[in-house]
Amino acid sequence: MAGRTALVTGGSRGIGAATALALAAAGADVAISHSGSAPRAEAVVREIEALGRRAVAYKADQADPAQVAELVGAVAADFGRLDVLVNNAGVIATGPVDEPVDEEALARQYAINVRGVAAAIRAAAPVMGDGGRIVTIGSNLAVRPTRPGTADYAAGKAAVTAYNRAAALELAPRGITVNVVQSGSVNTEMNPEDGPSADAQRALNALGRYGRPEELAAAVVFLATPAAAFITGSVLAVDGGFFA
């Protein structure tokens, strides 16, 4: 991936940070975004630079389409190109459907997880060269919700999958591929492997364990390389055998 530039949204921690580092290790220059965790973002930037690649961290609220568009434009201008977009930024707001919920939290979840992804793809498509790559981090809950309280989150991830497939069709004439990496239970701050539902989640996949952020990142890097040029509109499950 030498000579290519990637943008990873939500790249200051977890799957985003692991993906940014993996792309840099593969030879790409990497921009990351964060919504307020500047020290963490700068730490990731230093790690990327230690690999000999260029890196810049940008602050942007993924819930605001205008900020997302500004982010993409700034990366394209500062780096002189944009070859890979990784839609990783996301939040989760839970609550049973038969109980009162925090409507503001649900609205922000939709704004980040769905509208933010759409805004990033719409902003990236005009500035991305032919043969570009767009990869969005999805969730296995989009296909099979397994625990109460995840209906709104699962619906948003299902919408994102549909959006990416439609975008893949539209961008195919330019050789731009659009795919989803569908995550299972991965050890992050959002869903730690020692959390209250961790044992139940482990029991649902064939390998009986949580995944590591680096394992998701490896799938993203593959889809971002020239070797994946004939893969588009697809969903790659990285879930430890959740659907086995």
Protein backbone atom coordinates (compact mmCIF):
# COMPACT_ATOMS: atom_id res chain seq x y z
CA MET A 1 0.00 0.00 0.00
CA ALA A 2 3.00 2.27 -0.41
CA GLY A 3 2.07 5.66 -1.80
CA ARG A 4 -1.56 5.41 -0.71
CA THR A 5 -3.41 7.52 1.85
CA ALA A 6 -6.06 6.15 4.20
CA LEU A 7 -8.53 7.84 6.52
CA VAL A 8 -9.76 5.89 9.54
CA THR A 9 -12.63 7.51 11.43
CA GLY A 10 -12.61 6.94 15.17
CA GLY A 11 -8.96 5.95 14.90
CA SER A 12 -7.78 6.88 18.37
CA ARG A 13 -8.56 3.56 20.06
CA GLY A 14 -9.82 0.01 19.69
CA ILE A 15 -10.48 -1.34 16.22
CA GLY A 16 -9.82 2.07 14.68
CA ALA A 17 -6.36 2.43 16.19
CA ALA A 18 -5.46 -1.16 15.30
CA THR A 19 -6.62 -0.58 11.73
CA ALA A 20 -4.66 2.66 11.40
CA LEU A 21 -1.49 0.93 12.57
CA ALA A 22 -2.05 -2.07 10.30
CA LEU A 23 -2.54 0.17 7.26
CA ALA A 24 0.65 2.04 8.13
CA ALA A 25 2.53 -1.24 8.54
CA ALA A 26 1.34 -2.15 5.04
CA GLY A 27 2.88 1.07 3.70
CA ALA A 28 0.06 3.63 3.71
CA ASP A 29 0.09 7.14 5.10
CA VAL A 30 -2.79 7.40 7.56
CA ALA A 31 -5.14 10.11 8.78
CA ILE A 32 -7.32 9.39 11.79
CA SER A 33 -10.25 11.25 13.28
CA HIS A 34 -11.42 11.58 16.86
CA SER A 35 -14.22 13.42 18.59
CA GLY A 36 -12.25 14.65 21.58
CA SER A 37 -9.63 12.13 22.67
CA ALA A 38 -6.68 14.17 21.40
CA PRO A 39 -3.97 12.57 23.63
CA ARG A 40 -4.93 9.09 22.46
CA ALA A 41 -5.08 10.20 18.85
CA GLU A 42 -1.64 11.78 19.06
CA ALA A 43 -0.27 8.60 20.61
CA VAL A 44 -1.52 6.65 17.59
CA VAL A 45 0.03 9.25 15.29
CA ARG A 46 3.41 8.76 17.00
CA GLU A 47 3.14 4.99 16.59
CA ILE A 48 2.41 5.39 12.88
CA GLU A 49 5.31 7.79 12.44
CA ALA A 50 7.57 5.27 14.17
CA LEU A 51 6.70 2.91 11.31
CA GLY A 52 8.05 5.48 8.87
CA ARG A 53 4.70 6.66 7.57
CA ARG A 54 3.04 10.08 7.65
CA ALA A 55 0.13 10.52 10.06
CA VAL A 56 -2.21 13.32 11.11
CA ALA A 57 -5.05 13.34 13.64
CA TYR A 58 -8.15 15.47 13.02
CA LYS A 59 -10.93 16.35 15.42
CA ALA A 60 -14.39 15.83 13.94
CA ASP A 61 -17.81 14.93 15.31
CA GLN A 62 -19.05 12.04 13.19
CA ALA A 63 -22.63 12.99 14.08
CA ASP A 64 -22.30 16.25 12.13
CA PRO A 65 -22.35 15.73 8.33
CA ALA A 66 -20.74 19.14 7.79
CA GLN A 67 -17.80 18.22 10.02
CA VAL A 68 -17.47 14.86 8.26
CA ALA A 69 -17.31 16.58 4.89
CA GLU A 70 -14.73 19.05 6.20
CA LEU A 71 -12.68 16.16 7.58
CA VAL A 72 -12.58 14.31 4.28
CA GLY A 73 -11.76 17.50 2.38
CA ALA A 74 -8.95 18.36 4.79
CA VAL A 75 -7.37 14.92 4.46
CA ALA A 76 -7.51 15.03 0.66
CA ALA A 77 -5.97 18.52 0.66
CA ASP A 78 -3.29 17.89 3.28
CA PHE A 79 -2.14 14.55 1.90
CA GLY A 80 -2.80 15.35 -1.74
CA ARG A 81 -4.98 12.29 -2.22
CA LEU A 82 -7.41 9.88 -0.57
CA ASP A 83 -7.29 6.22 -1.55
CA VAL A 84 -8.89 4.39 1.38
CA LEU A 85 -11.78 5.33 3.68
CA VAL A 86 -12.43 3.20 6.74
CA ASN A 87 -15.73 4.00 8.46
CA ASN A 88 -14.99 2.83 11.96
CA ALA A 89 -16.40 5.49 14.29
CA GLY A 90 -19.44 4.24 16.15
CA VAL A 91 -21.35 4.24 19.43
CA ILE A 92 -23.91 2.00 21.03
CA ALA A 93 -27.03 3.02 22.91
CA THR A 94 -29.09 0.16 24.28
CA GLY A 95 -32.50 -0.29 25.83
CA PRO A 96 -35.40 -2.77 25.69
CA VAL A 97 -38.13 -1.86 23.22
CA ASP A 98 -40.81 -2.04 25.91
CA GLU A 99 -39.10 0.41 28.27
CA PRO A 100 -38.41 4.17 28.10
CA VAL A 101 -35.12 5.02 26.39
CA ASP A 102 -32.84 8.02 26.13
CA GLU A 103 -34.11 9.48 22.87
CA GLU A 104 -31.16 11.86 22.62
CA ALA A 105 -28.69 8.97 22.90
CA LEU A 106 -30.58 6.99 20.26
CA ALA A 107 -30.61 9.99 17.92
CA ARG A 108 -26.87 10.45 18.33
CA GLN A 109 -26.29 6.74 17.74
CA TYR A 110 -28.17 6.96 14.44
CA ALA A 111 -26.37 10.19 13.51
CA ILE A 112 -22.94 8.62 14.02
CA ASN A 113 -23.50 5.02 12.98
CA VAL A 114 -25.66 5.67 9.91
CA ARG A 115 -25.68 9.29 8.79
CA GLY A 116 -21.99 9.69 9.60
CA VAL A 117 -21.07 6.75 7.40
CA ALA A 118 -23.24 8.03 4.55
CA ALA A 119 -21.74 11.52 4.88
CA ALA A 120 -18.20 10.14 4.77
CA ILE A 121 -18.87 8.05 1.68
CA ARG A 122 -20.57 10.95 -0.09
CA ALA A 123 -17.66 13.26 0.75
CA ALA A 124 -14.97 10.74 -0.17
CA ALA A 125 -16.38 9.54 -3.49
CA PRO A 126 -15.71 12.77 -5.45
CA VAL A 127 -12.10 13.13 -4.22
CA MET A 128 -11.12 9.46 -4.27
CA GLY A 129 -9.26 8.28 -7.31
CA ASP A 130 -10.32 5.34 -9.46
CA GLY A 131 -9.55 2.06 -7.73
CA GLY A 132 -10.16 3.47 -4.27
CA ARG A 133 -11.36 1.45 -1.31
CA ILE A 134 -14.17 2.04 1.18
CA VAL A 135 -14.54 -0.32 4.14
CA THR A 136 -17.14 0.04 6.89
CA ILE A 137 -17.05 -1.74 10.23
CA GLY A 138 -20.41 -3.43 10.75
CA SER A 139 -21.78 -5.84 13.33
CA ASN A 140 -23.09 -9.41 13.35
CA LEU A 141 -26.05 -8.05 15.32
CA ALA A 142 -27.27 -6.54 12.06
CA VAL A 143 -28.10 -10.08 10.96
CA ARG A 144 -28.91 -11.83 14.22
CA PRO A 145 -29.51 -9.80 17.38
CA THR A 146 -28.78 -12.09 20.31
CA ARG A 147 -29.55 -10.09 23.42
CA PRO A 148 -32.28 -7.72 24.59
CA GLY A 149 -31.81 -4.01 24.23
CA THR A 150 -29.91 -3.98 20.95
CA ALA A 151 -32.77 -3.42 18.50
CA ASP A 152 -31.89 0.18 17.65
CA TYR A 153 -28.18 -0.55 17.32
CA ALA A 154 -28.81 -3.62 15.18
CA ALA A 155 -31.20 -1.72 12.91
CA GLY A 156 -28.61 0.99 12.33
CA LYS A 157 -25.92 -1.52 11.42
CA ALA A 158 -28.33 -3.26 9.04
CA ALA A 159 -29.00 0.09 7.37
CA VAL A 160 -25.27 0.70 6.99
CA THR A 161 -24.82 -2.66 5.29
CA ALA A 162 -27.56 -1.83 2.80
CA TYR A 163 -26.09 1.62 2.16
CA ASN A 164 -22.64 0.19 1.46
CA ARG A 165 -24.00 -2.37 -0.97
CA ALA A 166 -25.89 0.32 -2.87
CA ALA A 167 -22.81 2.55 -2.89
CA ALA A 168 -20.75 -0.34 -4.24
CA LEU A 169 -23.05 -0.55 -7.25
CA GLU A 170 -22.81 3.17 -7.94
CA LEU A 171 -19.03 3.42 -7.58
CA ALA A 172 -18.17 0.19 -9.41
CA PRO A 173 -17.63 1.89 -12.82
CA ARG A 174 -14.68 3.73 -11.27
CA GLY A 175 -13.19 0.60 -9.75
CA ILE A 176 -13.92 1.86 -6.23
CA THR A 177 -14.86 -1.06 -4.02
CA VAL A 178 -17.19 -0.75 -1.05
CA ASN A 179 -17.35 -3.52 1.54
CA VAL A 180 -18.36 -4.20 5.13
CA VAL A 181 -16.29 -6.03 7.73
CA GLN A 182 -18.92 -7.49 10.01
CA SER A 183 -17.53 -7.68 13.51
CA GLY A 184 -18.36 -10.21 16.15
CA SER A 185 -17.44 -9.76 19.82
CA VAL A 186 -14.12 -7.93 19.90
CA ASN A 187 -12.27 -6.85 23.02
CA THR A 188 -12.63 -3.07 23.10
CA GLU A 189 -13.66 -0.47 25.66
CA MET A 190 -17.15 -0.55 24.17
CA ASN A 191 -17.45 -4.31 24.64
CA PRO A 192 -14.69 -5.62 26.96
CA GLU A 193 -13.97 -9.33 27.23
CA ASP A 194 -14.51 -9.11 30.98
CA GLY A 195 -17.86 -7.27 30.71
CA PRO A 196 -21.15 -8.48 32.22
CA SER A 197 -22.32 -10.21 29.02
CA ALA A 198 -18.90 -11.48 27.92
CA ASP A 199 -19.41 -15.13 28.85
CA ALA A 200 -22.72 -15.25 26.99
CA GLN A 201 -21.12 -13.66 23.91
CA ARG A 202 -18.20 -16.10 23.91
CA ALA A 203 -20.65 -19.00 24.03
CA LEU A 204 -22.26 -17.81 20.79
CA ASN A 205 -19.24 -18.24 18.52
CA ALA A 206 -17.47 -21.40 17.47
CA LEU A 207 -14.04 -20.34 18.72
CA GLY A 208 -15.40 -19.54 22.15
CA ARG A 209 -13.43 -16.35 22.62
CA TYR A 210 -13.41 -12.64 21.92
CA GLY A 211 -11.58 -11.35 18.88
CA ARG A 212 -8.67 -8.92 19.03
CA PRO A 213 -8.83 -5.52 17.29
CA GLU A 214 -5.81 -6.57 15.24
CA GLU A 215 -7.81 -9.46 13.79
CA LEU A 216 -10.47 -7.06 12.50
CA ALA A 217 -7.76 -4.75 11.21
CA ALA A 218 -6.19 -7.53 9.15
CA ALA A 219 -9.47 -8.02 7.27
CA VAL A 220 -9.75 -4.28 6.60
CA VAL A 221 -6.21 -4.12 5.24
CA PHE A 222 -6.88 -7.01 2.89
CA LEU A 223 -9.98 -5.34 1.48
CA ALA A 224 -7.98 -2.11 1.06
CA THR A 225 -5.26 -3.71 -1.06
CA PRO A 226 -5.14 -4.17 -4.84
CA ALA A 227 -5.54 -7.92 -4.24
CA ALA A 228 -9.19 -7.31 -3.28
CA ALA A 229 -10.08 -5.46 -6.49
CA PHE A 230 -12.77 -8.02 -7.43
CA ILE A 231 -14.54 -7.89 -4.06
CA THR A 232 -17.24 -5.26 -3.70
CA GLY A 233 -20.69 -5.03 -2.17
CA SER A 234 -19.68 -7.84 0.16
CA VAL A 235 -19.90 -8.49 3.87
CA LEU A 236 -16.88 -10.23 5.40
CA ALA A 237 -17.75 -11.74 8.77
CA VAL A 238 -14.90 -11.66 11.28
CA ASP A 239 -16.77 -13.12 14.22
CA GLY A 240 -15.10 -16.29 15.48
CA GLY A 241 -17.70 -18.49 13.82
CA PHE A 242 -20.81 -16.72 15.07
CA PHE A 243 -22.73 -18.03 12.05
CA ALA A 244 -21.01 -21.43 11.91
